[in-house]
Amino acid sequence: MATFFLIFSAILFIATFGIHMIINTRSQFDKPMYTRDPFVSAIPWISGLILPVIPFTIVFEYHWLAIFFINLAVVFVFGPILTKGIIVRFASGKGFGFDMMYSFFGGIISLIIGLIAQ
């Protein structure tokens, strides 16, 4: 059961990064305010590129640096597919900003549950 939560958290973290990329491709006037602050705008980058390394390292038991480079490929190749799947199934209807925060906090909660269940 812990493996399920860890993999699910990694998928949600990658979806957070993907939703952020969708937000950044929109018009300058449609972007939320958080994109103007560089510190807050770095959260999706950390969420998509660094945080999935933790559950993947625990599940697959490889060195974290190898998992990091594999994660880069996963994020840029399978990230759009995962993001579209998450948006279609779990969209709140309140906009991409809310969906991004929901997937980020859902990833954190499922990561904590997976770590506790392990």
PDB file of N, CA and C in Angstrom:
ATOM      1  N   MET A   1       0.818  -1.195   0.000  1.00  0.00           N
ATOM      2  CA  MET A   1       0.000   0.000   0.000  1.00  0.00           C
ATOM      3  C   MET A   1       0.864   1.262   0.000  1.00  0.00           C
ATOM      4  N   ALA A   2       1.997   1.190   0.670  1.00  0.00           N
ATOM      5  CA  ALA A   2       2.897   2.343   0.707  1.00  0.00           C
ATOM      6  C   ALA A   2       3.429   2.659  -0.682  1.00  0.00           C
ATOM      7  N   THR A   3       3.681   1.628  -1.473  1.00  0.00           N
ATOM      8  CA  THR A   3       4.186   1.833  -2.827  1.00  0.00           C
ATOM      9  C   THR A   3       3.181   2.590  -3.679  1.00  0.00           C
ATOM     10  N   PHE A   4       1.903   2.272  -3.517  1.00  0.00           N
ATOM     11  CA  PHE A   4       0.857   2.975  -4.257  1.00  0.00           C
ATOM     12  C   PHE A   4       0.870   4.461  -3.921  1.00  0.00           C
ATOM     13  N   PHE A   5       0.918   4.793  -2.638  1.00  0.00           N
ATOM     14  CA  PHE A   5       0.909   6.197  -2.236  1.00  0.00           C
ATOM     15  C   PHE A   5       2.166   6.925  -2.699  1.00  0.00           C
ATOM     16  N   LEU A   6       3.299   6.260  -2.675  1.00  0.00           N
ATOM     17  CA  LEU A   6       4.538   6.895  -3.113  1.00  0.00           C
ATOM     18  C   LEU A   6       4.519   7.177  -4.617  1.00  0.00           C
ATOM     19  N   ILE A   7       4.059   6.211  -5.416  1.00  0.00           N
ATOM     20  CA  ILE A   7       3.967   6.422  -6.861  1.00  0.00           C
ATOM     21  C   ILE A   7       2.920   7.487  -7.176  1.00  0.00           C
ATOM     22  N   PHE A   8       1.800   7.458  -6.466  1.00  0.00           N
ATOM     23  CA  PHE A   8       0.750   8.457  -6.675  1.00  0.00           C
ATOM     24  C   PHE A   8       1.247   9.860  -6.340  1.00  0.00           C
ATOM     25  N   SER A   9       2.057   9.981  -5.281  1.00  0.00           N
ATOM     26  CA  SER A   9       2.601  11.293  -4.928  1.00  0.00           C
ATOM     27  C   SER A   9       3.553  11.791  -6.006  1.00  0.00           C
ATOM     28  N   ALA A  10       4.365  10.906  -6.577  1.00  0.00           N
ATOM     29  CA  ALA A  10       5.273  11.312  -7.648  1.00  0.00           C
ATOM     30  C   ALA A  10       4.487  11.781  -8.872  1.00  0.00           C
ATOM     31  N   ILE A  11       3.397  11.101  -9.196  1.00  0.00           N
ATOM     32  CA  ILE A  11       2.564  11.502 -10.334  1.00  0.00           C
ATOM     33  C   ILE A  11       1.941  12.870 -10.082  1.00  0.00           C
ATOM     34  N   LEU A  12       1.479  13.107  -8.856  1.00  0.00           N
ATOM     35  CA  LEU A  12       0.886  14.407  -8.541  1.00  0.00           C
ATOM     36  C   LEU A  12       1.924  15.521  -8.566  1.00  0.00           C
ATOM     37  N   PHE A  13       3.151  15.242  -8.121  1.00  0.00           N
ATOM     38  CA  PHE A  13       4.198  16.255  -8.180  1.00  0.00           C
ATOM     39  C   PHE A  13       4.539  16.606  -9.630  1.00  0.00           C
ATOM     40  N   ILE A  14       4.615  15.603 -10.482  1.00  0.00           N
ATOM     41  CA  ILE A  14       4.893  15.856 -11.901  1.00  0.00           C
ATOM     42  C   ILE A  14       3.732  16.619 -12.539  1.00  0.00           C
ATOM     43  N   ALA A  15       2.495  16.314 -12.143  1.00  0.00           N
ATOM     44  CA  ALA A  15       1.334  17.030 -12.664  1.00  0.00           C
ATOM     45  C   ALA A  15       1.338  18.486 -12.213  1.00  0.00           C
ATOM     46  N   THR A  16       1.841  18.761 -11.016  1.00  0.00           N
ATOM     47  CA  THR A  16       1.957  20.143 -10.554  1.00  0.00           C
ATOM     48  C   THR A  16       2.856  20.949 -11.482  1.00  0.00           C
ATOM     49  N   PHE A  17       3.984  20.360 -11.851  1.00  0.00           N
ATOM     50  CA  PHE A  17       4.892  21.019 -12.784  1.00  0.00           C
ATOM     51  C   PHE A  17       4.233  21.194 -14.151  1.00  0.00           C
ATOM     52  N   GLY A  18       3.508  20.190 -14.612  1.00  0.00           N
ATOM     53  CA  GLY A  18       2.844  20.273 -15.911  1.00  0.00           C
ATOM     54  C   GLY A  18       1.765  21.339 -15.953  1.00  0.00           C
ATOM     55  N   ILE A  19       0.994  21.455 -14.877  1.00  0.00           N
ATOM     56  CA  ILE A  19      -0.037  22.485 -14.820  1.00  0.00           C
ATOM     57  C   ILE A  19       0.611  23.874 -14.807  1.00  0.00           C
ATOM     58  N   HIS A  20       1.737  23.992 -14.116  1.00  0.00           N
ATOM     59  CA  HIS A  20       2.467  25.264 -14.118  1.00  0.00           C
ATOM     60  C   HIS A  20       2.933  25.613 -15.530  1.00  0.00           C
ATOM     61  N   MET A  21       3.381  24.625 -16.280  1.00  0.00           N
ATOM     62  CA  MET A  21       3.805  24.890 -17.655  1.00  0.00           C
ATOM     63  C   MET A  21       2.622  25.302 -18.526  1.00  0.00           C
ATOM     64  N   ILE A  22       1.451  24.726 -18.298  1.00  0.00           N
ATOM     65  CA  ILE A  22       0.254  25.135 -19.036  1.00  0.00           C
ATOM     66  C   ILE A  22      -0.094  26.580 -18.704  1.00  0.00           C
ATOM     67  N   ILE A  23       0.017  26.952 -17.435  1.00  0.00           N
ATOM     68  CA  ILE A  23      -0.273  28.320 -17.027  1.00  0.00           C
ATOM     69  C   ILE A  23       0.702  29.294 -17.683  1.00  0.00           C
ATOM     70  N   ASN A  24       1.964  28.920 -17.785  1.00  0.00           N
ATOM     71  CA  ASN A  24       2.966  29.826 -18.353  1.00  0.00           C
ATOM     72  C   ASN A  24       2.837  29.993 -19.863  1.00  0.00           C
ATOM     73  N   THR A  25       2.176  29.081 -20.544  1.00  0.00           N
ATOM     74  CA  THR A  25       2.017  29.224 -21.989  1.00  0.00           C
ATOM     75  C   THR A  25       0.826  30.093 -22.358  1.00  0.00           C
ATOM     76  N   ARG A  26       0.055  30.503 -21.382  1.00  0.00           N
ATOM     77  CA  ARG A  26      -1.111  31.340 -21.640  1.00  0.00           C
ATOM     78  C   ARG A  26      -0.694  32.789 -21.846  1.00  0.00           C
ATOM     79  N   SER A  27      -1.649  33.621 -22.153  1.00  0.00           N
ATOM     80  CA  SER A  27      -1.415  35.039 -22.350  1.00  0.00           C
ATOM     81  C   SER A  27      -0.922  35.686 -21.062  1.00  0.00           C
ATOM     82  N   GLN A  28      -0.159  36.743 -21.188  1.00  0.00           N
ATOM     83  CA  GLN A  28       0.393  37.436 -20.015  1.00  0.00           C
ATOM     84  C   GLN A  28      -0.714  37.954 -19.101  1.00  0.00           C
ATOM     85  N   PHE A  29      -1.854  38.317 -19.667  1.00  0.00           N
ATOM     86  CA  PHE A  29      -2.947  38.861 -18.873  1.00  0.00           C
ATOM     87  C   PHE A  29      -3.769  37.782 -18.186  1.00  0.00           C
ATOM     88  N   ASP A  30      -3.639  36.536 -18.611  1.00  0.00           N
ATOM     89  CA  ASP A  30      -4.386  35.433 -18.012  1.00  0.00           C
ATOM     90  C   ASP A  30      -3.612  34.726 -16.910  1.00  0.00           C
ATOM     91  N   LYS A  31      -2.353  35.093 -16.708  1.00  0.00           N
ATOM     92  CA  LYS A  31      -1.533  34.403 -15.713  1.00  0.00           C
ATOM     93  C   LYS A  31      -1.905  34.855 -14.305  1.00  0.00           C
ATOM     94  N   PRO A  32      -1.877  33.933 -13.337  1.00  0.00           N
ATOM     95  CA  PRO A  32      -2.134  34.322 -11.960  1.00  0.00           C
ATOM     96  C   PRO A  32      -0.974  35.150 -11.390  1.00  0.00           C
ATOM     97  N   MET A  33      -1.204  35.766 -10.261  1.00  0.00           N
ATOM     98  CA  MET A  33      -0.211  36.657  -9.657  1.00  0.00           C
ATOM     99  C   MET A  33       1.032  35.905  -9.184  1.00  0.00           C
ATOM    100  N   TYR A  34       0.910  34.634  -8.838  1.00  0.00           N
ATOM    101  CA  TYR A  34       2.073  33.932  -8.299  1.00  0.00           C
ATOM    102  C   TYR A  34       3.202  33.800  -9.324  1.00  0.00           C
ATOM    103  N   THR A  35       2.885  33.904 -10.616  1.00  0.00           N
ATOM    104  CA  THR A  35       3.924  33.763 -11.630  1.00  0.00           C
ATOM    105  C   THR A  35       4.861  34.961 -11.672  1.00  0.00           C
ATOM    106  N   ARG A  36       4.484  36.068 -11.049  1.00  0.00           N
ATOM    107  CA  ARG A  36       5.344  37.248 -11.028  1.00  0.00           C
ATOM    108  C   ARG A  36       6.362  37.211  -9.906  1.00  0.00           C
ATOM    109  N   ASP A  37       6.140  36.396  -8.898  1.00  0.00           N
ATOM    110  CA  ASP A  37       7.074  36.270  -7.786  1.00  0.00           C
ATOM    111  C   ASP A  37       8.008  35.092  -8.057  1.00  0.00           C
ATOM    112  N   PRO A  38       9.318  35.322  -8.181  1.00  0.00           N
ATOM    113  CA  PRO A  38      10.216  34.219  -8.546  1.00  0.00           C
ATOM    114  C   PRO A  38      10.309  33.129  -7.487  1.00  0.00           C
ATOM    115  N   PHE A  39      10.163  33.485  -6.209  1.00  0.00           N
ATOM    116  CA  PHE A  39      10.244  32.471  -5.161  1.00  0.00           C
ATOM    117  C   PHE A  39       9.055  31.525  -5.217  1.00  0.00           C
ATOM    118  N   VAL A  40       7.876  32.069  -5.323  1.00  0.00           N
ATOM    119  CA  VAL A  40       6.668  31.239  -5.373  1.00  0.00           C
ATOM    120  C   VAL A  40       6.591  30.488  -6.702  1.00  0.00           C
ATOM    121  N   SER A  41       7.085  31.091  -7.758  1.00  0.00           N
ATOM    122  CA  SER A  41       7.075  30.445  -9.060  1.00  0.00           C
ATOM    123  C   SER A  41       8.061  29.274  -9.126  1.00  0.00           C
ATOM    124  N   ALA A  42       9.010  29.225  -8.196  1.00  0.00           N
ATOM    125  CA  ALA A  42       9.975  28.118  -8.165  1.00  0.00           C
ATOM    126  C   ALA A  42       9.385  26.856  -7.535  1.00  0.00           C
ATOM    127  N   ILE A  43       8.292  26.973  -6.813  1.00  0.00           N
ATOM    128  CA  ILE A  43       7.685  25.814  -6.142  1.00  0.00           C
ATOM    129  C   ILE A  43       7.298  24.719  -7.144  1.00  0.00           C
ATOM    130  N   PRO A  44       6.642  25.025  -8.270  1.00  0.00           N
ATOM    131  CA  PRO A  44       6.331  23.945  -9.224  1.00  0.00           C
ATOM    132  C   PRO A  44       7.573  23.298  -9.824  1.00  0.00           C
ATOM    133  N   TRP A  45       8.641  24.075 -10.031  1.00  0.00           N
ATOM    134  CA  TRP A  45       9.878  23.495 -10.554  1.00  0.00           C
ATOM    135  C   TRP A  45      10.465  22.509  -9.561  1.00  0.00           C
ATOM    136  N   ILE A  46      10.480  22.887  -8.296  1.00  0.00           N
ATOM    137  CA  ILE A  46      10.972  21.973  -7.256  1.00  0.00           C
ATOM    138  C   ILE A  46      10.053  20.774  -7.153  1.00  0.00           C
ATOM    139  N   SER A  47       8.737  21.024  -7.248  1.00  0.00           N
ATOM    140  CA  SER A  47       7.767  19.940  -7.148  1.00  0.00           C
ATOM    141  C   SER A  47       7.898  18.941  -8.289  1.00  0.00           C
ATOM    142  N   GLY A  48       8.165  19.408  -9.478  1.00  0.00           N
ATOM    143  CA  GLY A  48       8.209  18.498 -10.623  1.00  0.00           C
ATOM    144  C   GLY A  48       9.544  17.826 -10.845  1.00  0.00           C
ATOM    145  N   LEU A  49      10.631  18.520 -10.508  1.00  0.00           N
ATOM    146  CA  LEU A  49      11.947  17.986 -10.832  1.00  0.00           C
ATOM    147  C   LEU A  49      12.676  17.360  -9.648  1.00  0.00           C
ATOM    148  N   ILE A  50      12.388  17.791  -8.429  1.00  0.00           N
ATOM    149  CA  ILE A  50      13.143  17.305  -7.270  1.00  0.00           C
ATOM    150  C   ILE A  50      12.302  16.403  -6.366  1.00  0.00           C
ATOM    151  N   LEU A  51      11.086  16.807  -6.040  1.00  0.00           N
ATOM    152  CA  LEU A  51      10.281  16.028  -5.087  1.00  0.00           C
ATOM    153  C   LEU A  51       9.916  14.619  -5.564  1.00  0.00           C
ATOM    154  N   PRO A  52       9.686  14.356  -6.859  1.00  0.00           N
ATOM    155  CA  PRO A  52       9.406  12.972  -7.254  1.00  0.00           C
ATOM    156  C   PRO A  52      10.590  12.027  -7.074  1.00  0.00           C
ATOM    157  N   VAL A  53      11.781  12.581  -6.920  1.00  0.00           N
ATOM    158  CA  VAL A  53      12.968  11.739  -6.730  1.00  0.00           C
ATOM    159  C   VAL A  53      12.872  10.981  -5.403  1.00  0.00           C
ATOM    160  N   ILE A  54      12.269  11.595  -4.382  1.00  0.00           N
ATOM    161  CA  ILE A  54      12.168  10.951  -3.069  1.00  0.00           C
ATOM    162  C   ILE A  54      11.351   9.664  -3.140  1.00  0.00           C
ATOM    163  N   PRO A  55      10.095   9.693  -3.622  1.00  0.00           N
ATOM    164  CA  PRO A  55       9.358   8.420  -3.675  1.00  0.00           C
ATOM    165  C   PRO A  55       9.933   7.422  -4.682  1.00  0.00           C
ATOM    166  N   PHE A  56      10.456   7.913  -5.817  1.00  0.00           N
ATOM    167  CA  PHE A  56      11.041   6.986  -6.790  1.00  0.00           C
ATOM    168  C   PHE A  56      12.275   6.290  -6.207  1.00  0.00           C
ATOM    169  N   THR A  57      13.073   7.001  -5.422  1.00  0.00           N
ATOM    170  CA  THR A  57      14.248   6.393  -4.798  1.00  0.00           C
ATOM    171  C   THR A  57      13.839   5.335  -3.789  1.00  0.00           C
ATOM    172  N   ILE A  58      12.782   5.603  -3.042  1.00  0.00           N
ATOM    173  CA  ILE A  58      12.317   4.636  -2.047  1.00  0.00           C
ATOM    174  C   ILE A  58      11.728   3.400  -2.722  1.00  0.00           C
ATOM    175  N   VAL A  59      10.958   3.599  -3.780  1.00  0.00           N
ATOM    176  CA  VAL A  59      10.299   2.477  -4.438  1.00  0.00           C
ATOM    177  C   VAL A  59      11.286   1.624  -5.227  1.00  0.00           C
ATOM    178  N   PHE A  60      12.141   2.251  -6.024  1.00  0.00           N
ATOM    179  CA  PHE A  60      13.007   1.506  -6.927  1.00  0.00           C
ATOM    180  C   PHE A  60      14.373   1.172  -6.341  1.00  0.00           C
ATOM    181  N   GLU A  61      14.740   1.800  -5.225  1.00  0.00           N
ATOM    182  CA  GLU A  61      15.975   1.517  -4.487  1.00  0.00           C
ATOM    183  C   GLU A  61      17.226   1.642  -5.350  1.00  0.00           C
ATOM    184  N   TYR A  62      17.291   2.710  -6.133  1.00  0.00           N
ATOM    185  CA  TYR A  62      18.485   3.068  -6.884  1.00  0.00           C
ATOM    186  C   TYR A  62      19.096   4.311  -6.256  1.00  0.00           C
ATOM    187  N   HIS A  63      20.259   4.696  -6.737  1.00  0.00           N
ATOM    188  CA  HIS A  63      20.896   5.908  -6.244  1.00  0.00           C
ATOM    189  C   HIS A  63      20.054   7.116  -6.663  1.00  0.00           C
ATOM    190  N   TRP A  64      19.961   8.103  -5.786  1.00  0.00           N
ATOM    191  CA  TRP A  64      19.074   9.233  -6.041  1.00  0.00           C
ATOM    192  C   TRP A  64      19.509  10.060  -7.251  1.00  0.00           C
ATOM    193  N   LEU A  65      20.789  10.096  -7.546  1.00  0.00           N
ATOM    194  CA  LEU A  65      21.246  10.879  -8.684  1.00  0.00           C
ATOM    195  C   LEU A  65      20.805  10.242 -10.010  1.00  0.00           C
ATOM    196  N   ALA A  66      20.855   8.920 -10.074  1.00  0.00           N
ATOM    197  CA  ALA A  66      20.368   8.223 -11.265  1.00  0.00           C
ATOM    198  C   ALA A  66      18.860   8.425 -11.423  1.00  0.00           C
ATOM    199  N   ILE A  67      18.142   8.351 -10.324  1.00  0.00           N
ATOM    200  CA  ILE A  67      16.699   8.576 -10.352  1.00  0.00           C
ATOM    201  C   ILE A  67      16.392  10.011 -10.788  1.00  0.00           C
ATOM    202  N   PHE A  68      17.224  10.963 -10.366  1.00  0.00           N
ATOM    203  CA  PHE A  68      17.012  12.360 -10.752  1.00  0.00           C
ATOM    204  C   PHE A  68      17.081  12.528 -12.267  1.00  0.00           C
ATOM    205  N   PHE A  69      18.088  11.935 -12.898  1.00  0.00           N
ATOM    206  CA  PHE A  69      18.207  12.073 -14.349  1.00  0.00           C
ATOM    207  C   PHE A  69      17.119  11.294 -15.085  1.00  0.00           C
ATOM    208  N   ILE A  70      16.709  10.173 -14.545  1.00  0.00           N
ATOM    209  CA  ILE A  70      15.580   9.441 -15.129  1.00  0.00           C
ATOM    210  C   ILE A  70      14.302  10.261 -14.984  1.00  0.00           C
ATOM    211  N   ASN A  71      14.161  10.932 -13.835  1.00  0.00           N
ATOM    212  CA  ASN A  71      12.984  11.764 -13.595  1.00  0.00           C
ATOM    213  C   ASN A  71      12.916  12.928 -14.585  1.00  0.00           C
ATOM    214  N   LEU A  72      14.058  13.489 -14.952  1.00  0.00           N
ATOM    215  CA  LEU A  72      14.050  14.557 -15.956  1.00  0.00           C
ATOM    216  C   LEU A  72      13.430  14.069 -17.263  1.00  0.00           C
ATOM    217  N   ALA A  73      13.813  12.878 -17.675  1.00  0.00           N
ATOM    218  CA  ALA A  73      13.237  12.318 -18.899  1.00  0.00           C
ATOM    219  C   ALA A  73      11.748  12.031 -18.720  1.00  0.00           C
ATOM    220  N   VAL A  74      11.370  11.507 -17.570  1.00  0.00           N
ATOM    221  CA  VAL A  74       9.956  11.201 -17.307  1.00  0.00           C
ATOM    222  C   VAL A  74       9.128  12.477 -17.327  1.00  0.00           C
ATOM    223  N   VAL A  75       9.643  13.534 -16.706  1.00  0.00           N
ATOM    224  CA  VAL A  75       8.888  14.787 -16.638  1.00  0.00           C
ATOM    225  C   VAL A  75       8.675  15.382 -18.025  1.00  0.00           C
ATOM    226  N   PHE A  76       9.686  15.392 -18.850  1.00  0.00           N
ATOM    227  CA  PHE A  76       9.550  16.057 -20.141  1.00  0.00           C
ATOM    228  C   PHE A  76       8.944  15.160 -21.222  1.00  0.00           C
ATOM    229  N   VAL A  77       8.958  13.832 -21.041  1.00  0.00           N
ATOM    230  CA  VAL A  77       8.351  12.941 -22.031  1.00  0.00           C
ATOM    231  C   VAL A  77       6.932  12.556 -21.618  1.00  0.00           C
ATOM    232  N   PHE A  78       6.768  12.064 -20.389  1.00  0.00           N
ATOM    233  CA  PHE A  78       5.453  11.605 -19.936  1.00  0.00           C
ATOM    234  C   PHE A  78       4.687  12.657 -19.144  1.00  0.00           C
ATOM    235  N   GLY A  79       5.329  13.759 -18.819  1.00  0.00           N
ATOM    236  CA  GLY A  79       4.687  14.818 -18.038  1.00  0.00           C
ATOM    237  C   GLY A  79       3.424  15.380 -18.657  1.00  0.00           C
ATOM    238  N   PRO A  80       3.444  15.726 -19.955  1.00  0.00           N
ATOM    239  CA  PRO A  80       2.201  16.240 -20.559  1.00  0.00           C
ATOM    240  C   PRO A  80       1.053  15.228 -20.543  1.00  0.00           C
ATOM    241  N   ILE A  81       1.369  13.951 -20.720  1.00  0.00           N
ATOM    242  CA  ILE A  81       0.329  12.917 -20.687  1.00  0.00           C
ATOM    243  C   ILE A  81      -0.245  12.791 -19.279  1.00  0.00           C
ATOM    244  N   LEU A  82       0.636  12.758 -18.271  1.00  0.00           N
ATOM    245  CA  LEU A  82       0.182  12.678 -16.877  1.00  0.00           C
ATOM    246  C   LEU A  82      -0.634  13.902 -16.497  1.00  0.00           C
ATOM    247  N   THR A  83      -0.189  15.067 -16.942  1.00  0.00           N
ATOM    248  CA  THR A  83      -0.891  16.306 -16.611  1.00  0.00           C
ATOM    249  C   THR A  83      -2.281  16.324 -17.225  1.00  0.00           C
ATOM    250  N   LYS A  84      -2.379  15.932 -18.471  1.00  0.00           N
ATOM    251  CA  LYS A  84      -3.694  15.912 -19.110  1.00  0.00           C
ATOM    252  C   LYS A  84      -4.621  14.928 -18.402  1.00  0.00           C
ATOM    253  N   GLY A  85      -4.085  13.772 -18.005  1.00  0.00           N
ATOM    254  CA  GLY A  85      -4.900  12.803 -17.283  1.00  0.00           C
ATOM    255  C   GLY A  85      -5.366  13.313 -15.935  1.00  0.00           C
ATOM    256  N   ILE A  86      -4.485  13.995 -15.225  1.00  0.00           N
ATOM    257  CA  ILE A  86      -4.857  14.550 -13.915  1.00  0.00           C
ATOM    258  C   ILE A  86      -5.897  15.651 -14.081  1.00  0.00           C
ATOM    259  N   ILE A  87      -5.698  16.519 -15.071  1.00  0.00           N
ATOM    260  CA  ILE A  87      -6.648  17.620 -15.272  1.00  0.00           C
ATOM    261  C   ILE A  87      -8.017  17.098 -15.682  1.00  0.00           C
ATOM    262  N   VAL A  88      -8.059  16.102 -16.549  1.00  0.00           N
ATOM    263  CA  VAL A  88      -9.341  15.568 -17.001  1.00  0.00           C
ATOM    264  C   VAL A  88     -10.092  14.898 -15.845  1.00  0.00           C
ATOM    265  N   ARG A  89      -9.377  14.174 -14.993  1.00  0.00           N
ATOM    266  CA  ARG A  89     -10.045  13.410 -13.943  1.00  0.00           C
ATOM    267  C   ARG A  89     -10.274  14.189 -12.654  1.00  0.00           C
ATOM    268  N   PHE A  90      -9.390  15.113 -12.324  1.00  0.00           N
ATOM    269  CA  PHE A  90      -9.464  15.775 -11.014  1.00  0.00           C
ATOM    270  C   PHE A  90      -9.626  17.284 -11.101  1.00  0.00           C
ATOM    271  N   ALA A  91     -10.055  17.829 -12.221  1.00  0.00           N
ATOM    272  CA  ALA A  91     -10.180  19.278 -12.353  1.00  0.00           C
ATOM    273  C   ALA A  91     -11.251  19.800 -11.402  1.00  0.00           C
ATOM    274  N   SER A  92     -10.948  20.929 -10.767  1.00  0.00           N
ATOM    275  CA  SER A  92     -11.882  21.508  -9.807  1.00  0.00           C
ATOM    276  C   SER A  92     -12.879  22.447 -10.465  1.00  0.00           C
ATOM    277  N   GLY A  93     -12.550  22.968 -11.649  1.00  0.00           N
ATOM    278  CA  GLY A  93     -13.408  23.932 -12.304  1.00  0.00           C
ATOM    279  C   GLY A  93     -13.156  25.348 -11.850  1.00  0.00           C
ATOM    280  N   LYS A  94     -12.167  25.545 -10.975  1.00  0.00           N
ATOM    281  CA  LYS A  94     -11.854  26.878 -10.455  1.00  0.00           C
ATOM    282  C   LYS A  94     -10.642  27.496 -11.133  1.00  0.00           C
ATOM    283  N   GLY A  95     -10.054  26.817 -12.090  1.00  0.00           N
ATOM    284  CA  GLY A  95      -8.894  27.347 -12.785  1.00  0.00           C
ATOM    285  C   GLY A  95      -7.667  26.486 -12.548  1.00  0.00           C
ATOM    286  N   PHE A  96      -6.646  26.725 -13.370  1.00  0.00           N
ATOM    287  CA  PHE A  96      -5.435  25.921 -13.282  1.00  0.00           C
ATOM    288  C   PHE A  96      -4.639  26.185 -12.008  1.00  0.00           C
ATOM    289  N   GLY A  97      -4.718  27.386 -11.472  1.00  0.00           N
ATOM    290  CA  GLY A  97      -3.998  27.691 -10.238  1.00  0.00           C
ATOM    291  C   GLY A  97      -4.467  26.834  -9.078  1.00  0.00           C
ATOM    292  N   PHE A  98      -5.784  26.687  -8.953  1.00  0.00           N
ATOM    293  CA  PHE A  98      -6.321  25.837  -7.895  1.00  0.00           C
ATOM    294  C   PHE A  98      -5.983  24.374  -8.148  1.00  0.00           C
ATOM    295  N   ASP A  99      -6.072  23.947  -9.396  1.00  0.00           N
ATOM    296  CA  ASP A  99      -5.732  22.559  -9.721  1.00  0.00           C
ATOM    297  C   ASP A  99      -4.271  22.262  -9.410  1.00  0.00           C
ATOM    298  N   MET A 100      -3.406  23.244  -9.656  1.00  0.00           N
ATOM    299  CA  MET A 100      -1.991  23.055  -9.355  1.00  0.00           C
ATOM    300  C   MET A 100      -1.772  22.919  -7.847  1.00  0.00           C
ATOM    301  N   MET A 101      -2.429  23.766  -7.069  1.00  0.00           N
ATOM    302  CA  MET A 101      -2.274  23.683  -5.614  1.00  0.00           C
ATOM    303  C   MET A 101      -2.873  22.387  -5.066  1.00  0.00           C
ATOM    304  N   TYR A 102      -4.009  21.966  -5.624  1.00  0.00           N
ATOM    305  CA  TYR A 102      -4.610  20.706  -5.182  1.00  0.00           C
ATOM    306  C   TYR A 102      -3.682  19.529  -5.462  1.00  0.00           C
ATOM    307  N   SER A 103      -3.074  19.509  -6.639  1.00  0.00           N
ATOM    308  CA  SER A 103      -2.179  18.390  -6.945  1.00  0.00           C
ATOM    309  C   SER A 103      -0.906  18.464  -6.107  1.00  0.00           C
ATOM    310  N   PHE A 104      -0.423  19.673  -5.813  1.00  0.00           N
ATOM    311  CA  PHE A 104       0.769  19.816  -4.977  1.00  0.00           C
ATOM    312  C   PHE A 104       0.494  19.335  -3.554  1.00  0.00           C
ATOM    313  N   PHE A 105      -0.588  19.810  -2.955  1.00  0.00           N
ATOM    314  CA  PHE A 105      -0.901  19.389  -1.590  1.00  0.00           C
ATOM    315  C   PHE A 105      -1.315  17.922  -1.527  1.00  0.00           C
ATOM    316  N   GLY A 106      -1.988  17.437  -2.562  1.00  0.00           N
ATOM    317  CA  GLY A 106      -2.296  16.009  -2.618  1.00  0.00           C
ATOM    318  C   GLY A 106      -1.050  15.163  -2.710  1.00  0.00           C
ATOM    319  N   GLY A 107      -0.048  15.637  -3.464  1.00  0.00           N
ATOM    320  CA  GLY A 107       1.227  14.938  -3.543  1.00  0.00           C
ATOM    321  C   GLY A 107       1.951  14.907  -2.213  1.00  0.00           C
ATOM    322  N   ILE A 108       1.918  16.026  -1.490  1.00  0.00           N
ATOM    323  CA  ILE A 108       2.564  16.067  -0.173  1.00  0.00           C
ATOM    324  C   ILE A 108       1.868  15.129   0.795  1.00  0.00           C
ATOM    325  N   ILE A 109       0.541  15.151   0.811  1.00  0.00           N
ATOM    326  CA  ILE A 109      -0.209  14.291   1.732  1.00  0.00           C
ATOM    327  C   ILE A 109       0.010  12.817   1.402  1.00  0.00           C
ATOM    328  N   SER A 110      -0.030  12.473   0.121  1.00  0.00           N
ATOM    329  CA  SER A 110       0.178  11.065  -0.234  1.00  0.00           C
ATOM    330  C   SER A 110       1.631  10.640   0.004  1.00  0.00           C
ATOM    331  N   LEU A 111       2.591  11.554  -0.132  1.00  0.00           N
ATOM    332  CA  LEU A 111       3.976  11.231   0.206  1.00  0.00           C
ATOM    333  C   LEU A 111       4.121  10.961   1.699  1.00  0.00           C
ATOM    334  N   ILE A 112       3.487  11.764   2.512  1.00  0.00           N
ATOM    335  CA  ILE A 112       3.544  11.552   3.967  1.00  0.00           C
ATOM    336  C   ILE A 112       2.885  10.227   4.346  1.00  0.00           C
ATOM    337  N   ILE A 113       1.725   9.941   3.759  1.00  0.00           N
ATOM    338  CA  ILE A 113       1.041   8.671   4.042  1.00  0.00           C
ATOM    339  C   ILE A 113       1.917   7.494   3.601  1.00  0.00           C
ATOM    340  N   GLY A 114       2.533   7.611   2.425  1.00  0.00           N
ATOM    341  CA  GLY A 114       3.405   6.539   1.942  1.00  0.00           C
ATOM    342  C   GLY A 114       4.629   6.335   2.820  1.00  0.00           C
ATOM    343  N   LEU A 115       5.210   7.428   3.331  1.00  0.00           N
ATOM    344  CA  LEU A 115       6.357   7.301   4.219  1.00  0.00           C
ATOM    345  C   LEU A 115       5.982   6.702   5.565  1.00  0.00           C
ATOM    346  N   ILE A 116       4.814   7.069   6.063  1.00  0.00           N
ATOM    347  CA  ILE A 116       4.357   6.510   7.346  1.00  0.00           C
ATOM    348  C   ILE A 116       3.993   5.047   7.191  1.00  0.00           C
ATOM    349  N   ALA A 117       3.360   4.688   6.076  1.00  0.00           N
ATOM    350  CA  ALA A 117       2.937   3.299   5.863  1.00  0.00           C
ATOM    351  C   ALA A 117       4.089   2.356   5.561  1.00  0.00           C
ATOM    352  N   GLN A 118       5.211   2.920   5.220  1.00  0.00           N
ATOM    353  CA  GLN A 118       6.348   2.054   4.846  1.00  0.00           C
ATOM    354  C   GLN A 118       6.947   1.381   6.040  1.00  0.00           C
TER     355      GLN A 118
END
